[in-house]
């Protein structure tokens, strides 16, 4: 239940920033590189990028991916040949 409330709070925070849809963060770095080199615009974009990276669902999916990778590496034998 706590995770669900955390995700709702994260979604609310993003909506307050004017972000209504985020499916994943894969294209975020590309989008950041497309922003004009204006100090105020870059500062706002950097703040928004940080907010997107710390959303609870992004952190959760990164955690799950890490655990899954660790689990797989523990099951598969290491080849010594």
PDB file of N, CA and C in Angstrom:
ATOM      1  N   UNK A   1       0.823  -1.189   0.000  1.00  0.00           N
ATOM      2  CA  UNK A   1       0.000   0.000   0.000  1.00  0.00           C
ATOM      3  C   UNK A   1       0.867   1.253   0.000  1.00  0.00           C
ATOM      4  N   UNK A   2       1.963   1.230   0.705  1.00  0.00           N
ATOM      5  CA  UNK A   2       2.873   2.374   0.765  1.00  0.00           C
ATOM      6  C   UNK A   2       3.452   2.689  -0.615  1.00  0.00           C
ATOM      7  N   UNK A   3       3.782   1.664  -1.371  1.00  0.00           N
ATOM      8  CA  UNK A   3       4.334   1.853  -2.709  1.00  0.00           C
ATOM      9  C   UNK A   3       3.322   2.543  -3.613  1.00  0.00           C
ATOM     10  N   UNK A   4       2.071   2.134  -3.506  1.00  0.00           N
ATOM     11  CA  UNK A   4       1.019   2.739  -4.317  1.00  0.00           C
ATOM     12  C   UNK A   4       0.873   4.225  -3.989  1.00  0.00           C
ATOM     13  N   UNK A   5       0.856   4.560  -2.700  1.00  0.00           N
ATOM     14  CA  UNK A   5       0.755   5.967  -2.298  1.00  0.00           C
ATOM     15  C   UNK A   5       1.968   6.760  -2.771  1.00  0.00           C
ATOM     16  N   UNK A   6       3.128   6.153  -2.729  1.00  0.00           N
ATOM     17  CA  UNK A   6       4.340   6.811  -3.198  1.00  0.00           C
ATOM     18  C   UNK A   6       4.245   7.103  -4.691  1.00  0.00           C
ATOM     19  N   UNK A   7       3.718   6.157  -5.456  1.00  0.00           N
ATOM     20  CA  UNK A   7       3.564   6.365  -6.893  1.00  0.00           C
ATOM     21  C   UNK A   7       2.541   7.458  -7.187  1.00  0.00           C
ATOM     22  N   UNK A   8       1.463   7.504  -6.400  1.00  0.00           N
ATOM     23  CA  UNK A   8       0.477   8.572  -6.579  1.00  0.00           C
ATOM     24  C   UNK A   8       1.091   9.936  -6.288  1.00  0.00           C
ATOM     25  N   UNK A   9       1.893  10.012  -5.242  1.00  0.00           N
ATOM     26  CA  UNK A   9       2.555  11.276  -4.899  1.00  0.00           C
ATOM     27  C   UNK A   9       3.529  11.691  -5.999  1.00  0.00           C
ATOM     28  N   UNK A  10       4.259  10.732  -6.551  1.00  0.00           N
ATOM     29  CA  UNK A  10       5.183  11.022  -7.645  1.00  0.00           C
ATOM     30  C   UNK A  10       4.454  11.509  -8.880  1.00  0.00           C
ATOM     31  N   UNK A  11       3.338  10.883  -9.186  1.00  0.00           N
ATOM     32  CA  UNK A  11       2.538  11.306 -10.339  1.00  0.00           C
ATOM     33  C   UNK A  11       1.988  12.717 -10.127  1.00  0.00           C
ATOM     34  N   UNK A  12       1.549  12.995  -8.902  1.00  0.00           N
ATOM     35  CA  UNK A  12       1.042  14.336  -8.589  1.00  0.00           C
ATOM     36  C   UNK A  12       2.144  15.389  -8.752  1.00  0.00           C
ATOM     37  N   UNK A  13       3.338  15.075  -8.268  1.00  0.00           N
ATOM     38  CA  UNK A  13       4.465  16.010  -8.383  1.00  0.00           C
ATOM     39  C   UNK A  13       4.788  16.294  -9.851  1.00  0.00           C
ATOM     40  N   UNK A  14       4.776  15.250 -10.692  1.00  0.00           N
ATOM     41  CA  UNK A  14       5.042  15.443 -12.120  1.00  0.00           C
ATOM     42  C   UNK A  14       3.941  16.263 -12.787  1.00  0.00           C
ATOM     43  N   UNK A  15       2.711  16.020 -12.402  1.00  0.00           N
ATOM     44  CA  UNK A  15       1.611  16.808 -12.981  1.00  0.00           C
ATOM     45  C   UNK A  15       1.733  18.275 -12.597  1.00  0.00           C
ATOM     46  N   UNK A  16       2.196  18.543 -11.386  1.00  0.00           N
ATOM     47  CA  UNK A  16       2.420  19.937 -10.971  1.00  0.00           C
ATOM     48  C   UNK A  16       3.510  20.583 -11.827  1.00  0.00           C
ATOM     49  N   UNK A  17       4.438  19.779 -12.324  1.00  0.00           N
ATOM     50  CA  UNK A  17       5.487  20.285 -13.212  1.00  0.00           C
ATOM     51  C   UNK A  17       5.011  20.399 -14.658  1.00  0.00           C
ATOM     52  N   UNK A  18       3.787  19.933 -14.921  1.00  0.00           N
ATOM     53  CA  UNK A  18       3.250  20.005 -16.275  1.00  0.00           C
ATOM     54  C   UNK A  18       3.496  18.758 -17.096  1.00  0.00           C
ATOM     55  N   UNK A  19       3.946  17.690 -16.463  1.00  0.00           N
ATOM     56  CA  UNK A  19       4.217  16.433 -17.170  1.00  0.00           C
ATOM     57  C   UNK A  19       3.030  15.511 -16.942  1.00  0.00           C
ATOM     58  N   UNK A  20       2.348  15.168 -18.020  1.00  0.00           N
ATOM     59  CA  UNK A  20       1.145  14.353 -17.873  1.00  0.00           C
ATOM     60  C   UNK A  20       1.338  12.922 -18.354  1.00  0.00           C
ATOM     61  N   UNK A  21       2.411  12.667 -19.117  1.00  0.00           N
ATOM     62  CA  UNK A  21       2.611  11.315 -19.644  1.00  0.00           C
ATOM     63  C   UNK A  21       4.097  10.987 -19.677  1.00  0.00           C
ATOM     64  N   UNK A  22       4.456   9.882 -19.069  1.00  0.00           N
ATOM     65  CA  UNK A  22       5.830   9.384 -19.103  1.00  0.00           C
ATOM     66  C   UNK A  22       5.750   7.873 -19.135  1.00  0.00           C
ATOM     67  N   UNK A  23       6.237   7.285 -20.206  1.00  0.00           N
ATOM     68  CA  UNK A  23       6.186   5.831 -20.303  1.00  0.00           C
ATOM     69  C   UNK A  23       7.494   5.187 -19.870  1.00  0.00           C
ATOM     70  N   UNK A  24       8.622   5.827 -20.187  1.00  0.00           N
ATOM     71  CA  UNK A  24       9.917   5.349 -19.717  1.00  0.00           C
ATOM     72  C   UNK A  24      10.930   6.475 -19.853  1.00  0.00           C
ATOM     73  N   UNK A  25      12.108   6.267 -19.334  1.00  0.00           N
ATOM     74  CA  UNK A  25      13.126   7.321 -19.343  1.00  0.00           C
ATOM     75  C   UNK A  25      14.200   7.093 -20.401  1.00  0.00           C
ATOM     76  N   UNK A  26      13.967   6.160 -21.311  1.00  0.00           N
ATOM     77  CA  UNK A  26      14.975   5.821 -22.311  1.00  0.00           C
ATOM     78  C   UNK A  26      15.336   7.017 -23.188  1.00  0.00           C
ATOM     79  N   UNK A  27      14.361   7.760 -23.674  1.00  0.00           N
ATOM     80  CA  UNK A  27      14.625   8.876 -24.572  1.00  0.00           C
ATOM     81  C   UNK A  27      14.939  10.184 -23.875  1.00  0.00           C
ATOM     82  N   UNK A  28      15.053  10.152 -22.565  1.00  0.00           N
ATOM     83  CA  UNK A  28      15.259  11.380 -21.799  1.00  0.00           C
ATOM     84  C   UNK A  28      16.581  12.062 -22.130  1.00  0.00           C
ATOM     85  N   UNK A  29      17.651  11.317 -22.221  1.00  0.00           N
ATOM     86  CA  UNK A  29      18.963  11.905 -22.531  1.00  0.00           C
ATOM     87  C   UNK A  29      18.951  12.525 -23.925  1.00  0.00           C
ATOM     88  N   UNK A  30      18.316  11.850 -24.875  1.00  0.00           N
ATOM     89  CA  UNK A  30      18.214  12.392 -26.228  1.00  0.00           C
ATOM     90  C   UNK A  30      17.436  13.705 -26.222  1.00  0.00           C
ATOM     91  N   UNK A  31      16.324  13.728 -25.504  1.00  0.00           N
ATOM     92  CA  UNK A  31      15.508  14.943 -25.428  1.00  0.00           C
ATOM     93  C   UNK A  31      16.287  16.083 -24.782  1.00  0.00           C
ATOM     94  N   UNK A  32      17.077  15.771 -23.765  1.00  0.00           N
ATOM     95  CA  UNK A  32      17.873  16.809 -23.095  1.00  0.00           C
ATOM     96  C   UNK A  32      18.891  17.414 -24.059  1.00  0.00           C
ATOM     97  N   UNK A  33      19.440  16.607 -24.948  1.00  0.00           N
ATOM     98  CA  UNK A  33      20.428  17.107 -25.912  1.00  0.00           C
ATOM     99  C   UNK A  33      19.802  17.991 -26.983  1.00  0.00           C
ATOM    100  N   UNK A  34      18.492  17.925 -27.150  1.00  0.00           N
ATOM    101  CA  UNK A  34      17.800  18.722 -28.161  1.00  0.00           C
ATOM    102  C   UNK A  34      17.406  20.112 -27.651  1.00  0.00           C
ATOM    103  N   UNK A  35      17.591  20.363 -26.368  1.00  0.00           N
ATOM    104  CA  UNK A  35      17.187  21.640 -25.768  1.00  0.00           C
ATOM    105  C   UNK A  35      18.199  22.723 -26.126  1.00  0.00           C
ATOM    106  N   UNK A  36      17.719  23.910 -26.503  1.00  0.00           N
ATOM    107  CA  UNK A  36      18.638  25.010 -26.842  1.00  0.00           C
ATOM    108  C   UNK A  36      19.545  25.375 -25.664  1.00  0.00           C
ATOM    109  N   UNK A  37      20.722  25.898 -25.973  1.00  0.00           N
ATOM    110  CA  UNK A  37      21.699  26.259 -24.939  1.00  0.00           C
ATOM    111  C   UNK A  37      21.368  27.600 -24.290  1.00  0.00           C
ATOM    112  N   UNK A  38      20.246  27.658 -23.636  1.00  0.00           N
ATOM    113  CA  UNK A  38      19.867  28.850 -22.882  1.00  0.00           C
ATOM    114  C   UNK A  38      19.861  28.459 -21.414  1.00  0.00           C
ATOM    115  N   UNK A  39      20.521  29.252 -20.592  1.00  0.00           N
ATOM    116  CA  UNK A  39      20.743  28.893 -19.187  1.00  0.00           C
ATOM    117  C   UNK A  39      19.448  28.561 -18.450  1.00  0.00           C
ATOM    118  N   UNK A  40      18.445  29.397 -18.555  1.00  0.00           N
ATOM    119  CA  UNK A  40      17.197  29.174 -17.827  1.00  0.00           C
ATOM    120  C   UNK A  40      16.474  27.926 -18.329  1.00  0.00           C
ATOM    121  N   UNK A  41      16.463  27.745 -19.632  1.00  0.00           N
ATOM    122  CA  UNK A  41      15.815  26.570 -20.218  1.00  0.00           C
ATOM    123  C   UNK A  41      16.531  25.298 -19.789  1.00  0.00           C
ATOM    124  N   UNK A  42      17.859  25.307 -19.840  1.00  0.00           N
ATOM    125  CA  UNK A  42      18.631  24.126 -19.427  1.00  0.00           C
ATOM    126  C   UNK A  42      18.449  23.830 -17.948  1.00  0.00           C
ATOM    127  N   UNK A  43      18.388  24.864 -17.117  1.00  0.00           N
ATOM    128  CA  UNK A  43      18.195  24.659 -15.676  1.00  0.00           C
ATOM    129  C   UNK A  43      16.838  24.020 -15.404  1.00  0.00           C
ATOM    130  N   UNK A  44      15.808  24.515 -16.069  1.00  0.00           N
ATOM    131  CA  UNK A  44      14.467  23.945 -15.890  1.00  0.00           C
ATOM    132  C   UNK A  44      14.419  22.504 -16.388  1.00  0.00           C
ATOM    133  N   UNK A  45      15.043  22.251 -17.530  1.00  0.00           N
ATOM    134  CA  UNK A  45      15.053  20.897 -18.088  1.00  0.00           C
ATOM    135  C   UNK A  45      15.826  19.937 -17.191  1.00  0.00           C
ATOM    136  N   UNK A  46      16.932  20.391 -16.629  1.00  0.00           N
ATOM    137  CA  UNK A  46      17.722  19.536 -15.732  1.00  0.00           C
ATOM    138  C   UNK A  46      16.935  19.186 -14.483  1.00  0.00           C
ATOM    139  N   UNK A  47      16.216  20.163 -13.948  1.00  0.00           N
ATOM    140  CA  UNK A  47      15.389  19.904 -12.766  1.00  0.00           C
ATOM    141  C   UNK A  47      14.306  18.873 -13.095  1.00  0.00           C
ATOM    142  N   UNK A  48      13.665  19.045 -14.234  1.00  0.00           N
ATOM    143  CA  UNK A  48      12.623  18.107 -14.651  1.00  0.00           C
ATOM    144  C   UNK A  48      13.201  16.716 -14.873  1.00  0.00           C
ATOM    145  N   UNK A  49      14.383  16.636 -15.471  1.00  0.00           N
ATOM    146  CA  UNK A  49      15.023  15.336 -15.689  1.00  0.00           C
ATOM    147  C   UNK A  49      15.294  14.641 -14.360  1.00  0.00           C
ATOM    148  N   UNK A  50      15.797  15.378 -13.376  1.00  0.00           N
ATOM    149  CA  UNK A  50      16.039  14.790 -12.047  1.00  0.00           C
ATOM    150  C   UNK A  50      14.733  14.282 -11.441  1.00  0.00           C
ATOM    151  N   UNK A  51      13.672  15.063 -11.565  1.00  0.00           N
ATOM    152  CA  UNK A  51      12.369  14.646 -11.040  1.00  0.00           C
ATOM    153  C   UNK A  51      11.902  13.350 -11.696  1.00  0.00           C
ATOM    154  N   UNK A  52      12.106  13.233 -12.993  1.00  0.00           N
ATOM    155  CA  UNK A  52      11.682  12.027 -13.705  1.00  0.00           C
ATOM    156  C   UNK A  52      12.487  10.808 -13.276  1.00  0.00           C
ATOM    157  N   UNK A  53      13.763  11.009 -13.020  1.00  0.00           N
ATOM    158  CA  UNK A  53      14.606   9.877 -12.623  1.00  0.00           C
ATOM    159  C   UNK A  53      14.326   9.396 -11.207  1.00  0.00           C
ATOM    160  N   UNK A  54      13.776  10.254 -10.353  1.00  0.00           N
ATOM    161  CA  UNK A  54      13.532   9.818  -8.974  1.00  0.00           C
ATOM    162  C   UNK A  54      12.082   9.427  -8.723  1.00  0.00           C
ATOM    163  N   UNK A  55      11.281   9.328  -9.775  1.00  0.00           N
ATOM    164  CA  UNK A  55       9.911   8.863  -9.566  1.00  0.00           C
ATOM    165  C   UNK A  55       9.956   7.453  -9.003  1.00  0.00           C
ATOM    166  N   UNK A  56       9.000   7.157  -8.162  1.00  0.00           N
ATOM    167  CA  UNK A  56       9.019   5.860  -7.474  1.00  0.00           C
ATOM    168  C   UNK A  56       8.937   4.691  -8.443  1.00  0.00           C
ATOM    169  N   UNK A  57       8.172   4.811  -9.527  1.00  0.00           N
ATOM    170  CA  UNK A  57       8.077   3.684 -10.462  1.00  0.00           C
ATOM    171  C   UNK A  57       9.357   3.498 -11.255  1.00  0.00           C
ATOM    172  N   UNK A  58      10.093   4.562 -11.516  1.00  0.00           N
ATOM    173  CA  UNK A  58      11.376   4.420 -12.203  1.00  0.00           C
ATOM    174  C   UNK A  58      12.393   3.758 -11.279  1.00  0.00           C
ATOM    175  N   UNK A  59      12.443   4.200 -10.027  1.00  0.00           N
ATOM    176  CA  UNK A  59      13.366   3.583  -9.071  1.00  0.00           C
ATOM    177  C   UNK A  59      13.006   2.122  -8.847  1.00  0.00           C
ATOM    178  N   UNK A  60      11.711   1.818  -8.762  1.00  0.00           N
ATOM    179  CA  UNK A  60      11.271   0.431  -8.561  1.00  0.00           C
ATOM    180  C   UNK A  60      11.651  -0.443  -9.739  1.00  0.00           C
ATOM    181  N   UNK A  61      11.436   0.056 -10.963  1.00  0.00           N
ATOM    182  CA  UNK A  61      11.766  -0.770 -12.129  1.00  0.00           C
ATOM    183  C   UNK A  61      13.271  -0.978 -12.235  1.00  0.00           C
ATOM    184  N   UNK A  62      14.068   0.036 -11.887  1.00  0.00           N
ATOM    185  CA  UNK A  62      15.522  -0.133 -11.881  1.00  0.00           C
ATOM    186  C   UNK A  62      15.940  -1.157 -10.832  1.00  0.00           C
ATOM    187  N   UNK A  63      15.316  -1.119  -9.665  1.00  0.00           N
ATOM    188  CA  UNK A  63      15.618  -2.067  -8.594  1.00  0.00           C
ATOM    189  C   UNK A  63      15.267  -3.485  -9.031  1.00  0.00           C
ATOM    190  N   UNK A  64      14.089  -3.648  -9.613  1.00  0.00           N
ATOM    191  CA  UNK A  64      13.651  -4.975 -10.053  1.00  0.00           C
ATOM    192  C   UNK A  64      14.577  -5.512 -11.141  1.00  0.00           C
ATOM    193  N   UNK A  65      14.978  -4.659 -12.080  1.00  0.00           N
ATOM    194  CA  UNK A  65      15.897  -5.092 -13.138  1.00  0.00           C
ATOM    195  C   UNK A  65      17.239  -5.521 -12.550  1.00  0.00           C
ATOM    196  N   UNK A  66      17.711  -4.790 -11.558  1.00  0.00           N
ATOM    197  CA  UNK A  66      18.985  -5.122 -10.914  1.00  0.00           C
ATOM    198  C   UNK A  66      18.894  -6.459 -10.184  1.00  0.00           C
ATOM    199  N   UNK A  67      17.812  -6.653  -9.439  1.00  0.00           N
ATOM    200  CA  UNK A  67      17.625  -7.909  -8.707  1.00  0.00           C
ATOM    201  C   UNK A  67      17.499  -9.074  -9.684  1.00  0.00           C
ATOM    202  N   UNK A  68      16.764  -8.878 -10.770  1.00  0.00           N
ATOM    203  CA  UNK A  68      16.604  -9.940 -11.770  1.00  0.00           C
ATOM    204  C   UNK A  68      17.952 -10.314 -12.368  1.00  0.00           C
ATOM    205  N   UNK A  69      18.776  -9.321 -12.683  1.00  0.00           N
ATOM    206  CA  UNK A  69      20.101  -9.584 -13.245  1.00  0.00           C
ATOM    207  C   UNK A  69      20.971 -10.325 -12.229  1.00  0.00           C
ATOM    208  N   UNK A  70      20.904  -9.912 -10.970  1.00  0.00           N
ATOM    209  CA  UNK A  70      21.681 -10.569  -9.915  1.00  0.00           C
ATOM    210  C   UNK A  70      21.226 -12.019  -9.760  1.00  0.00           C
ATOM    211  N   UNK A  71      19.904 -12.249  -9.812  1.00  0.00           N
ATOM    212  CA  UNK A  71      19.351 -13.588  -9.691  1.00  0.00           C
ATOM    213  C   UNK A  71      19.842 -14.470 -10.835  1.00  0.00           C
ATOM    214  N   UNK A  72      19.800 -13.944 -12.056  1.00  0.00           N
ATOM    215  CA  UNK A  72      20.239 -14.716 -13.225  1.00  0.00           C
ATOM    216  C   UNK A  72      21.724 -15.040 -13.123  1.00  0.00           C
ATOM    217  N   UNK A  73      22.529 -14.078 -12.693  1.00  0.00           N
ATOM    218  CA  UNK A  73      23.968 -14.327 -12.604  1.00  0.00           C
ATOM    219  C   UNK A  73      24.291 -15.352 -11.521  1.00  0.00           C
ATOM    220  N   UNK A  74      23.429 -15.479 -10.515  1.00  0.00           N
ATOM    221  CA  UNK A  74      23.653 -16.482  -9.476  1.00  0.00           C
ATOM    222  C   UNK A  74      23.238 -17.878  -9.922  1.00  0.00           C
ATOM    223  N   UNK A  75      22.332 -17.972 -10.888  1.00  0.00           N
ATOM    224  CA  UNK A  75      21.877 -19.286 -11.347  1.00  0.00           C
ATOM    225  C   UNK A  75      22.803 -19.849 -12.412  1.00  0.00           C
ATOM    226  N   UNK A  76      23.216 -18.998 -13.342  1.00  0.00           N
ATOM    227  CA  UNK A  76      24.013 -19.478 -14.464  1.00  0.00           C
ATOM    228  C   UNK A  76      25.439 -19.788 -14.029  1.00  0.00           C
ATOM    229  N   UNK A  77      25.949 -20.936 -14.432  1.00  0.00           N
ATOM    230  CA  UNK A  77      27.333 -21.271 -14.076  1.00  0.00           C
ATOM    231  C   UNK A  77      28.323 -20.386 -14.830  1.00  0.00           C
ATOM    232  N   UNK A  78      29.418 -20.094 -14.197  1.00  0.00           N
ATOM    233  CA  UNK A  78      30.468 -19.297 -14.826  1.00  0.00           C
ATOM    234  C   UNK A  78      31.368 -20.235 -15.610  1.00  0.00           C
ATOM    235  N   UNK A  79      31.535 -19.936 -16.885  1.00  0.00           N
ATOM    236  CA  UNK A  79      32.371 -20.762 -17.745  1.00  0.00           C
ATOM    237  C   UNK A  79      33.836 -20.417 -17.501  1.00  0.00           C
ATOM    238  N   UNK A  80      34.666 -21.438 -17.314  1.00  0.00           N
ATOM    239  CA  UNK A  80      36.095 -21.214 -17.077  1.00  0.00           C
ATOM    240  C   UNK A  80      36.937 -21.559 -18.294  1.00  0.00           C
ATOM    241  N   UNK A  81      36.274 -21.905 -19.395  1.00  0.00           N
ATOM    242  CA  UNK A  81      37.049 -22.280 -20.587  1.00  0.00           C
ATOM    243  C   UNK A  81      37.366 -21.112 -21.459  1.00  0.00           C
TER     244      UNK A  81
END
